[in-house]
Amino acid sequence: MTARGRRADAIVVLGARLRPDGTPGQALSRRIAAGVALYRRGAAPLLLLTGGGERHRAEALAMAEAALAAGVPAAALLVEAESANTVENAFLSAALLKQRGLGAVLLVSERYHLFRAGLLFRRAGLVVVDTVAPPADWRQDWPMWLREAVALPRSLWRAWRRTRAAGAMGPRV
């Protein structure tokens, strides 16, 4: 069970930029570790890794390698490697989960990102039962809080257009 009383079908770990050599950076490594720890504690039976990224290698593939190396069985992993932003993370992850008849998620990302991510995943039709942020230093992250202030209205606009174009009547944001 989660803090909100409903069990998650999957733990969704959102991607972050990779290092130039294609390995997870500090923020992504924290997210992967948090997702793996939640999986080990039985928070959900699946670990969905989402992120295509901007480089030649998808963030989700690097995340999957790290999760496998940490002992998560391949059968417990779902990989969404096509998304280029948080809106696409939400809608492509929702499609993967809905194909399996699943719809309740526990989101893992940085604290500054979770409010926007939660709104978008709900807009994509998923139930966000809880959110988890790995420990981080706000003194390093404060520019990202500012970025989120700009990204929020843009992402909500993109999500609204996406659901409208598809004719979906997802939950109102």
N, C-alpha and C. Protein backbone atom coordinates (compact mmCIF):
# COMPACT_ATOMS: atom_id res chain seq x y z
N MET A 1 0.83 -1.19 0.00
CA MET A 1 0.00 0.00 0.00
C MET A 1 0.88 1.25 0.00
N THR A 2 0.34 2.29 -0.50
CA THR A 2 1.05 3.56 -0.50
C THR A 2 0.42 4.49 0.52
N ALA A 3 0.97 5.68 0.58
CA ALA A 3 0.46 6.67 1.52
C ALA A 3 -1.00 7.01 1.24
N ARG A 4 -1.45 6.85 0.03
CA ARG A 4 -2.82 7.21 -0.33
C ARG A 4 -3.77 6.01 -0.33
N GLY A 5 -3.29 4.87 0.14
CA GLY A 5 -4.16 3.72 0.33
C GLY A 5 -4.36 2.81 -0.87
N ARG A 6 -3.80 3.11 -2.00
CA ARG A 6 -3.94 2.26 -3.17
C ARG A 6 -2.58 1.76 -3.59
N ARG A 7 -2.53 0.50 -3.94
CA ARG A 7 -1.26 -0.09 -4.37
C ARG A 7 -0.96 0.32 -5.81
N ALA A 8 0.29 0.60 -6.08
CA ALA A 8 0.72 0.95 -7.43
C ALA A 8 0.91 -0.31 -8.26
N ASP A 9 0.54 -0.22 -9.53
CA ASP A 9 0.81 -1.30 -10.48
C ASP A 9 2.26 -1.25 -10.96
N ALA A 10 2.82 -0.04 -10.99
CA ALA A 10 4.18 0.13 -11.47
C ALA A 10 4.84 1.34 -10.80
N ILE A 11 6.14 1.24 -10.65
CA ILE A 11 6.97 2.36 -10.23
C ILE A 11 7.50 2.96 -11.52
N VAL A 12 7.22 4.23 -11.74
CA VAL A 12 7.68 4.91 -12.96
C VAL A 12 8.85 5.81 -12.60
N VAL A 13 10.01 5.51 -13.16
CA VAL A 13 11.20 6.33 -12.94
C VAL A 13 11.40 7.19 -14.18
N LEU A 14 11.32 8.51 -14.00
CA LEU A 14 11.47 9.43 -15.13
C LEU A 14 12.94 9.68 -15.42
N GLY A 15 13.25 9.75 -16.70
CA GLY A 15 14.63 9.93 -17.14
C GLY A 15 15.18 11.30 -16.85
N ALA A 16 16.46 11.43 -17.04
CA ALA A 16 17.20 12.68 -16.94
C ALA A 16 18.40 12.55 -17.88
N ARG A 17 18.94 13.67 -18.23
CA ARG A 17 20.03 13.70 -19.21
C ARG A 17 21.17 12.75 -18.84
N LEU A 18 21.68 12.08 -19.86
CA LEU A 18 22.84 11.20 -19.69
C LEU A 18 24.12 12.02 -19.82
N ARG A 19 25.19 11.45 -19.31
CA ARG A 19 26.51 12.05 -19.52
C ARG A 19 26.89 11.88 -20.99
N PRO A 20 27.86 12.63 -21.45
CA PRO A 20 28.28 12.49 -22.86
C PRO A 20 28.68 11.07 -23.26
N ASP A 21 29.15 10.28 -22.29
CA ASP A 21 29.54 8.90 -22.62
C ASP A 21 28.36 7.92 -22.59
N GLY A 22 27.13 8.44 -22.33
CA GLY A 22 25.94 7.61 -22.36
C GLY A 22 25.60 6.94 -21.05
N THR A 23 26.29 7.28 -19.99
CA THR A 23 25.99 6.71 -18.68
C THR A 23 25.11 7.67 -17.88
N PRO A 24 24.38 7.14 -16.89
CA PRO A 24 23.53 8.02 -16.08
C PRO A 24 24.35 9.05 -15.30
N GLY A 25 23.85 10.28 -15.27
CA GLY A 25 24.46 11.32 -14.47
C GLY A 25 24.01 11.19 -13.02
N GLN A 26 24.39 12.17 -12.22
CA GLN A 26 24.10 12.14 -10.79
C GLN A 26 22.60 12.09 -10.50
N ALA A 27 21.82 12.96 -11.14
CA ALA A 27 20.37 12.99 -10.88
C ALA A 27 19.72 11.68 -11.31
N LEU A 28 20.07 11.18 -12.48
CA LEU A 28 19.47 9.94 -12.97
C LEU A 28 19.88 8.76 -12.10
N SER A 29 21.11 8.73 -11.65
CA SER A 29 21.56 7.65 -10.77
C SER A 29 20.76 7.64 -9.46
N ARG A 30 20.47 8.84 -8.93
CA ARG A 30 19.64 8.92 -7.71
C ARG A 30 18.25 8.37 -7.97
N ARG A 31 17.67 8.72 -9.10
CA ARG A 31 16.32 8.26 -9.44
C ARG A 31 16.28 6.75 -9.60
N ILE A 32 17.26 6.21 -10.30
CA ILE A 32 17.31 4.75 -10.50
C ILE A 32 17.43 4.05 -9.15
N ALA A 33 18.32 4.53 -8.30
CA ALA A 33 18.50 3.91 -6.98
C ALA A 33 17.20 3.96 -6.17
N ALA A 34 16.49 5.08 -6.23
CA ALA A 34 15.22 5.19 -5.50
C ALA A 34 14.19 4.21 -6.06
N GLY A 35 14.11 4.10 -7.38
CA GLY A 35 13.17 3.17 -8.01
C GLY A 35 13.47 1.73 -7.67
N VAL A 36 14.74 1.36 -7.71
CA VAL A 36 15.15 0.00 -7.37
C VAL A 36 14.84 -0.29 -5.91
N ALA A 37 15.11 0.65 -5.02
CA ALA A 37 14.81 0.45 -3.60
C ALA A 37 13.31 0.24 -3.37
N LEU A 38 12.49 1.03 -4.06
CA LEU A 38 11.04 0.85 -3.94
C LEU A 38 10.61 -0.52 -4.47
N TYR A 39 11.18 -0.94 -5.59
CA TYR A 39 10.87 -2.25 -6.14
C TYR A 39 11.23 -3.34 -5.13
N ARG A 40 12.42 -3.26 -4.56
CA ARG A 40 12.87 -4.26 -3.58
C ARG A 40 11.97 -4.32 -2.36
N ARG A 41 11.41 -3.16 -1.97
CA ARG A 41 10.49 -3.12 -0.82
C ARG A 41 9.10 -3.60 -1.18
N GLY A 42 8.85 -3.91 -2.45
CA GLY A 42 7.55 -4.42 -2.85
C GLY A 42 6.51 -3.35 -3.11
N ALA A 43 6.94 -2.12 -3.40
CA ALA A 43 5.99 -1.03 -3.66
C ALA A 43 5.15 -1.29 -4.90
N ALA A 44 5.67 -2.04 -5.86
CA ALA A 44 4.94 -2.42 -7.08
C ALA A 44 5.70 -3.56 -7.75
N PRO A 45 5.00 -4.36 -8.54
CA PRO A 45 5.65 -5.49 -9.19
C PRO A 45 6.44 -5.14 -10.46
N LEU A 46 6.25 -3.93 -10.97
CA LEU A 46 6.94 -3.52 -12.20
C LEU A 46 7.69 -2.22 -11.99
N LEU A 47 8.79 -2.09 -12.73
CA LEU A 47 9.58 -0.86 -12.75
C LEU A 47 9.57 -0.37 -14.19
N LEU A 48 8.86 0.75 -14.43
CA LEU A 48 8.78 1.32 -15.77
C LEU A 48 9.79 2.46 -15.86
N LEU A 49 10.71 2.34 -16.79
CA LEU A 49 11.78 3.32 -16.98
C LEU A 49 11.46 4.11 -18.24
N THR A 50 11.33 5.42 -18.11
CA THR A 50 10.86 6.22 -19.22
C THR A 50 11.82 7.36 -19.54
N GLY A 51 12.15 7.47 -20.82
CA GLY A 51 13.00 8.57 -21.27
C GLY A 51 13.75 8.21 -22.54
N GLY A 52 13.51 8.98 -23.57
CA GLY A 52 14.26 8.80 -24.81
C GLY A 52 15.51 9.65 -24.81
N GLY A 53 15.33 10.90 -24.44
CA GLY A 53 16.47 11.80 -24.34
C GLY A 53 16.84 12.44 -25.66
N GLU A 54 17.92 13.21 -25.60
CA GLU A 54 18.35 14.02 -26.73
C GLU A 54 19.58 13.46 -27.43
N ARG A 55 20.22 12.51 -26.86
CA ARG A 55 21.47 11.98 -27.41
C ARG A 55 21.23 10.71 -28.21
N HIS A 56 22.31 10.11 -28.63
CA HIS A 56 22.24 8.89 -29.45
C HIS A 56 21.73 7.68 -28.69
N ARG A 57 21.72 7.74 -27.37
CA ARG A 57 21.29 6.62 -26.55
C ARG A 57 20.11 7.04 -25.68
N ALA A 58 19.08 6.23 -25.62
CA ALA A 58 17.90 6.55 -24.81
C ALA A 58 18.23 6.42 -23.32
N GLU A 59 17.72 7.38 -22.57
CA GLU A 59 17.90 7.36 -21.12
C GLU A 59 17.35 6.07 -20.52
N ALA A 60 16.19 5.63 -21.01
CA ALA A 60 15.55 4.43 -20.46
C ALA A 60 16.41 3.19 -20.64
N LEU A 61 17.18 3.12 -21.71
CA LEU A 61 18.05 1.96 -21.92
C LEU A 61 19.20 1.96 -20.91
N ALA A 62 19.78 3.13 -20.66
CA ALA A 62 20.82 3.23 -19.64
C ALA A 62 20.25 2.90 -18.26
N MET A 63 19.02 3.33 -18.01
CA MET A 63 18.37 3.04 -16.74
C MET A 63 18.13 1.54 -16.58
N ALA A 64 17.70 0.89 -17.66
CA ALA A 64 17.44 -0.55 -17.61
C ALA A 64 18.72 -1.31 -17.30
N GLU A 65 19.82 -0.92 -17.91
CA GLU A 65 21.10 -1.58 -17.61
C GLU A 65 21.45 -1.46 -16.14
N ALA A 66 21.26 -0.26 -15.59
CA ALA A 66 21.57 -0.04 -14.18
C ALA A 66 20.64 -0.85 -13.27
N ALA A 67 19.36 -0.91 -13.61
CA ALA A 67 18.41 -1.67 -12.80
C ALA A 67 18.73 -3.17 -12.85
N LEU A 68 19.06 -3.66 -14.02
CA LEU A 68 19.45 -5.08 -14.14
C LEU A 68 20.71 -5.36 -13.33
N ALA A 69 21.69 -4.47 -13.41
CA ALA A 69 22.93 -4.62 -12.64
C ALA A 69 22.66 -4.60 -11.14
N ALA A 70 21.60 -3.90 -10.73
CA ALA A 70 21.23 -3.82 -9.31
C ALA A 70 20.38 -5.01 -8.87
N GLY A 71 20.10 -5.93 -9.80
CA GLY A 71 19.39 -7.14 -9.42
C GLY A 71 17.91 -7.19 -9.73
N VAL A 72 17.38 -6.18 -10.41
CA VAL A 72 15.97 -6.22 -10.79
C VAL A 72 15.84 -7.20 -11.96
N PRO A 73 14.95 -8.17 -11.88
CA PRO A 73 14.80 -9.13 -12.99
C PRO A 73 14.25 -8.46 -14.25
N ALA A 74 14.71 -8.92 -15.39
CA ALA A 74 14.26 -8.36 -16.67
C ALA A 74 12.74 -8.43 -16.81
N ALA A 75 12.13 -9.46 -16.27
CA ALA A 75 10.67 -9.61 -16.38
C ALA A 75 9.92 -8.52 -15.62
N ALA A 76 10.58 -7.84 -14.70
CA ALA A 76 9.93 -6.79 -13.92
C ALA A 76 10.13 -5.40 -14.53
N LEU A 77 10.84 -5.34 -15.66
CA LEU A 77 11.14 -4.05 -16.29
C LEU A 77 10.26 -3.78 -17.50
N LEU A 78 9.78 -2.56 -17.59
CA LEU A 78 9.15 -2.03 -18.81
C LEU A 78 9.99 -0.83 -19.22
N VAL A 79 10.27 -0.73 -20.51
CA VAL A 79 11.13 0.35 -20.99
C VAL A 79 10.38 1.16 -22.04
N GLU A 80 10.29 2.46 -21.79
CA GLU A 80 9.71 3.40 -22.75
C GLU A 80 10.84 4.32 -23.17
N ALA A 81 11.35 4.13 -24.38
CA ALA A 81 12.57 4.82 -24.82
C ALA A 81 12.34 5.80 -25.96
N GLU A 82 11.10 6.19 -26.21
CA GLU A 82 10.80 7.07 -27.34
C GLU A 82 10.53 8.52 -26.94
N SER A 83 10.18 8.77 -25.70
CA SER A 83 9.77 10.11 -25.27
C SER A 83 10.93 11.10 -25.29
N ALA A 84 10.58 12.35 -25.56
CA ALA A 84 11.58 13.42 -25.59
C ALA A 84 11.34 14.47 -24.51
N ASN A 85 10.23 14.35 -23.76
CA ASN A 85 9.92 15.32 -22.71
C ASN A 85 8.93 14.68 -21.73
N THR A 86 8.59 15.42 -20.70
CA THR A 86 7.73 14.86 -19.65
C THR A 86 6.32 14.58 -20.14
N VAL A 87 5.81 15.39 -21.05
CA VAL A 87 4.48 15.13 -21.62
C VAL A 87 4.50 13.77 -22.31
N GLU A 88 5.50 13.54 -23.14
CA GLU A 88 5.60 12.25 -23.84
C GLU A 88 5.89 11.11 -22.86
N ASN A 89 6.69 11.36 -21.81
CA ASN A 89 6.89 10.34 -20.77
C ASN A 89 5.53 9.85 -20.27
N ALA A 90 4.66 10.82 -19.95
CA ALA A 90 3.36 10.48 -19.36
C ALA A 90 2.48 9.71 -20.33
N PHE A 91 2.32 10.22 -21.54
CA PHE A 91 1.38 9.59 -22.47
C PHE A 91 1.89 8.26 -23.01
N LEU A 92 3.18 8.15 -23.29
CA LEU A 92 3.72 6.88 -23.78
C LEU A 92 3.77 5.83 -22.67
N SER A 93 4.06 6.26 -21.45
CA SER A 93 4.02 5.32 -20.31
C SER A 93 2.59 4.84 -20.07
N ALA A 94 1.64 5.76 -20.16
CA ALA A 94 0.23 5.38 -19.98
C ALA A 94 -0.18 4.35 -21.01
N ALA A 95 0.24 4.54 -22.26
CA ALA A 95 -0.11 3.58 -23.31
C ALA A 95 0.47 2.19 -23.00
N LEU A 96 1.73 2.14 -22.57
CA LEU A 96 2.35 0.85 -22.22
C LEU A 96 1.60 0.16 -21.09
N LEU A 97 1.24 0.92 -20.08
CA LEU A 97 0.56 0.33 -18.93
C LEU A 97 -0.87 -0.08 -19.27
N LYS A 98 -1.57 0.75 -20.02
CA LYS A 98 -2.95 0.43 -20.37
C LYS A 98 -3.04 -0.82 -21.25
N GLN A 99 -2.02 -1.07 -22.07
CA GLN A 99 -1.98 -2.31 -22.86
C GLN A 99 -2.00 -3.54 -21.96
N ARG A 100 -1.51 -3.38 -20.75
CA ARG A 100 -1.44 -4.48 -19.79
C ARG A 100 -2.58 -4.42 -18.76
N GLY A 101 -3.51 -3.50 -18.97
CA GLY A 101 -4.62 -3.36 -18.04
C GLY A 101 -4.24 -2.72 -16.72
N LEU A 102 -3.18 -1.95 -16.71
CA LEU A 102 -2.67 -1.32 -15.49
C LEU A 102 -2.90 0.18 -15.55
N GLY A 103 -2.97 0.83 -14.38
CA GLY A 103 -3.22 2.26 -14.42
C GLY A 103 -2.83 3.04 -13.18
N ALA A 104 -2.27 2.39 -12.16
CA ALA A 104 -1.89 3.10 -10.93
C ALA A 104 -0.37 3.10 -10.82
N VAL A 105 0.20 4.29 -10.64
CA VAL A 105 1.66 4.42 -10.64
C VAL A 105 2.18 5.16 -9.42
N LEU A 106 3.42 4.88 -9.12
CA LEU A 106 4.20 5.60 -8.13
C LEU A 106 5.31 6.28 -8.93
N LEU A 107 5.36 7.60 -8.91
CA LEU A 107 6.33 8.35 -9.71
C LEU A 107 7.61 8.63 -8.93
N VAL A 108 8.74 8.48 -9.63
CA VAL A 108 10.04 8.79 -9.05
C VAL A 108 10.73 9.82 -9.94
N SER A 109 11.07 10.95 -9.34
CA SER A 109 11.81 12.00 -10.03
C SER A 109 12.37 12.94 -8.97
N GLU A 110 12.96 14.03 -9.41
CA GLU A 110 13.44 15.03 -8.46
C GLU A 110 12.24 15.78 -7.89
N ARG A 111 12.40 16.29 -6.68
CA ARG A 111 11.30 16.99 -6.00
C ARG A 111 10.76 18.14 -6.86
N TYR A 112 11.64 18.88 -7.49
CA TYR A 112 11.19 20.02 -8.30
C TYR A 112 10.36 19.60 -9.50
N HIS A 113 10.48 18.37 -9.93
CA HIS A 113 9.82 17.87 -11.14
C HIS A 113 8.49 17.16 -10.86
N LEU A 114 8.28 16.72 -9.63
CA LEU A 114 7.16 15.83 -9.35
C LEU A 114 5.78 16.48 -9.46
N PHE A 115 5.66 17.75 -9.14
CA PHE A 115 4.35 18.38 -9.27
C PHE A 115 3.89 18.35 -10.72
N ARG A 116 4.74 18.81 -11.63
CA ARG A 116 4.39 18.84 -13.06
C ARG A 116 4.20 17.42 -13.59
N ALA A 117 5.10 16.51 -13.23
CA ALA A 117 4.99 15.14 -13.70
C ALA A 117 3.67 14.51 -13.23
N GLY A 118 3.31 14.74 -11.97
CA GLY A 118 2.05 14.19 -11.46
C GLY A 118 0.85 14.69 -12.23
N LEU A 119 0.81 15.98 -12.51
CA LEU A 119 -0.29 16.53 -13.30
C LEU A 119 -0.36 15.89 -14.68
N LEU A 120 0.78 15.73 -15.31
CA LEU A 120 0.80 15.18 -16.67
C LEU A 120 0.43 13.70 -16.70
N PHE A 121 0.89 12.93 -15.75
CA PHE A 121 0.54 11.52 -15.71
C PHE A 121 -0.95 11.34 -15.43
N ARG A 122 -1.51 12.20 -14.59
CA ARG A 122 -2.96 12.16 -14.37
C ARG A 122 -3.70 12.53 -15.66
N ARG A 123 -3.22 13.53 -16.35
CA ARG A 123 -3.84 13.95 -17.62
C ARG A 123 -3.79 12.82 -18.65
N ALA A 124 -2.75 12.01 -18.57
CA ALA A 124 -2.62 10.87 -19.48
C ALA A 124 -3.54 9.71 -19.08
N GLY A 125 -4.26 9.87 -17.99
CA GLY A 125 -5.24 8.86 -17.59
C GLY A 125 -4.78 7.89 -16.53
N LEU A 126 -3.63 8.13 -15.92
CA LEU A 126 -3.14 7.24 -14.87
C LEU A 126 -3.51 7.77 -13.50
N VAL A 127 -3.55 6.88 -12.54
CA VAL A 127 -3.76 7.25 -11.15
C VAL A 127 -2.38 7.32 -10.50
N VAL A 128 -2.01 8.47 -10.00
CA VAL A 128 -0.73 8.63 -9.31
C VAL A 128 -1.00 8.41 -7.83
N VAL A 129 -0.59 7.26 -7.33
CA VAL A 129 -0.88 6.93 -5.94
C VAL A 129 0.10 7.55 -4.96
N ASP A 130 1.29 7.90 -5.46
CA ASP A 130 2.28 8.56 -4.61
C ASP A 130 3.43 9.03 -5.48
N THR A 131 4.26 9.89 -4.90
CA THR A 131 5.46 10.36 -5.58
C THR A 131 6.63 10.23 -4.62
N VAL A 132 7.81 9.98 -5.18
CA VAL A 132 9.01 9.82 -4.37
C VAL A 132 10.14 10.60 -5.02
N ALA A 133 10.83 11.38 -4.21
CA ALA A 133 12.00 12.12 -4.67
C ALA A 133 13.22 11.64 -3.89
N PRO A 134 14.29 11.27 -4.59
CA PRO A 134 15.50 10.90 -3.87
C PRO A 134 16.10 12.13 -3.18
N PRO A 135 16.88 11.91 -2.15
CA PRO A 135 17.51 13.05 -1.48
C PRO A 135 18.38 13.84 -2.45
N ALA A 136 18.31 15.16 -2.35
CA ALA A 136 19.10 16.03 -3.23
C ALA A 136 19.42 17.31 -2.48
N ASP A 137 20.35 18.06 -3.01
CA ASP A 137 20.78 19.32 -2.41
C ASP A 137 20.10 20.48 -3.11
N TRP A 138 19.19 21.18 -2.43
CA TRP A 138 18.44 22.28 -3.04
C TRP A 138 19.37 23.37 -3.54
N ARG A 139 20.56 23.51 -2.93
CA ARG A 139 21.49 24.55 -3.37
C ARG A 139 21.99 24.29 -4.78
N GLN A 140 22.05 23.03 -5.17
CA GLN A 140 22.43 22.69 -6.54
C GLN A 140 21.22 22.71 -7.47
N ASP A 141 20.04 22.41 -6.92
CA ASP A 141 18.84 22.25 -7.74
C ASP A 141 18.03 23.52 -7.95
N TRP A 142 18.33 24.61 -7.27
CA TRP A 142 17.45 25.77 -7.34
C TRP A 142 17.22 26.28 -8.77
N PRO A 143 18.20 26.21 -9.68
CA PRO A 143 17.87 26.65 -11.05
C PRO A 143 16.79 25.79 -11.70
N MET A 144 16.72 24.54 -11.29
CA MET A 144 15.71 23.64 -11.87
C MET A 144 14.31 24.00 -11.38
N TRP A 145 14.20 24.52 -10.17
CA TRP A 145 12.90 24.99 -9.68
C TRP A 145 12.41 26.13 -10.56
N LEU A 146 13.32 27.02 -10.96
CA LEU A 146 12.95 28.12 -11.86
C LEU A 146 12.53 27.58 -13.23
N ARG A 147 13.27 26.60 -13.72
CA ARG A 147 12.93 25.98 -15.00
C ARG A 147 11.53 25.39 -14.97
N GLU A 148 11.18 24.76 -13.86
CA GLU A 148 9.85 24.15 -13.73
C GLU A 148 8.74 25.20 -13.81
N ALA A 149 8.99 26.38 -13.29
CA ALA A 149 7.99 27.45 -13.36
C ALA A 149 7.67 27.81 -14.80
N VAL A 150 8.66 27.73 -15.66
CA VAL A 150 8.46 28.00 -17.09
C VAL A 150 7.88 26.77 -17.79
N ALA A 151 8.35 25.60 -17.42
CA ALA A 151 7.94 24.37 -18.10
C ALA A 151 6.50 23.97 -17.81
N LEU A 152 5.98 24.32 -16.63
CA LEU A 152 4.63 23.90 -16.25
C LEU A 152 3.56 24.36 -17.24
N PRO A 153 3.42 25.65 -17.52
CA PRO A 153 2.35 26.03 -18.44
C PRO A 153 2.55 25.47 -19.85
N ARG A 154 3.78 25.40 -20.30
CA ARG A 154 4.06 24.84 -21.63
C ARG A 154 3.65 23.36 -21.70
N SER A 155 4.00 22.61 -20.66
CA SER A 155 3.66 21.19 -20.64
C SER A 155 2.16 20.97 -20.55
N LEU A 156 1.47 21.78 -19.74
CA LEU A 156 0.02 21.63 -19.63
C LEU A 156 -0.65 21.94 -20.97
N TRP A 157 -0.15 22.93 -21.67
CA TRP A 157 -0.67 23.25 -23.00
C TRP A 157 -0.47 22.08 -23.96
N ARG A 158 0.74 21.51 -23.96
CA ARG A 158 1.01 20.36 -24.83
C ARG A 158 0.11 19.18 -24.49
N ALA A 159 -0.07 18.91 -23.21
CA ALA A 159 -0.92 17.80 -22.79
C ALA A 159 -2.37 18.05 -23.17
N TRP A 160 -2.85 19.27 -23.00
CA TRP A 160 -4.22 19.60 -23.37
C TRP A 160 -4.41 19.40 -24.87
N ARG A 161 -3.47 19.88 -25.67
CA ARG A 161 -3.57 19.72 -27.12
C ARG A 161 -3.54 18.24 -27.51
N ARG A 162 -2.71 17.48 -26.85
CA ARG A 162 -2.59 16.05 -27.16
C ARG A 162 -3.89 15.31 -26.87
N THR A 163 -4.49 15.58 -25.72
CA THR A 163 -5.74 14.88 -25.39
C THR A 163 -6.88 15.38 -26.27
N ARG A 164 -6.87 16.64 -26.58
CA ARG A 164 -7.92 17.20 -27.44
C ARG A 164 -7.83 16.63 -28.85
N ALA A 165 -6.61 16.55 -29.38
CA ALA A 165 -6.41 16.03 -30.72
C ALA A 165 -6.81 14.55 -30.80
N ALA A 166 -6.61 13.83 -29.72
CA ALA A 166 -6.97 12.40 -29.69
C ALA A 166 -8.42 12.19 -29.36
N GLY A 167 -9.11 13.26 -28.97
CA GLY A 167 -10.51 13.14 -28.59
C GLY A 167 -10.69 12.55 -27.21
N ALA A 168 -9.59 12.50 -26.45
CA ALA A 168 -9.66 11.93 -25.11
C ALA A 168 -10.27 12.92 -24.14
N MET A 169 -11.01 12.43 -23.23
CA MET A 169 -11.60 13.27 -22.19
C MET A 169 -11.00 12.87 -20.86
N GLY A 170 -9.68 12.87 -20.78
CA GLY A 170 -8.99 12.47 -19.55
C GLY A 170 -9.37 13.38 -18.39
N PRO A 171 -8.87 13.05 -17.22
CA PRO A 171 -9.19 13.85 -16.05
C PRO A 171 -8.72 15.28 -16.23
N ARG A 172 -9.51 16.20 -15.75
CA ARG A 172 -9.16 17.62 -15.87
C ARG A 172 -7.97 17.94 -14.97
N VAL A 173 -7.13 18.79 -15.48
CA VAL A 173 -5.95 19.22 -14.72
C VAL A 173 -6.26 20.52 -14.03
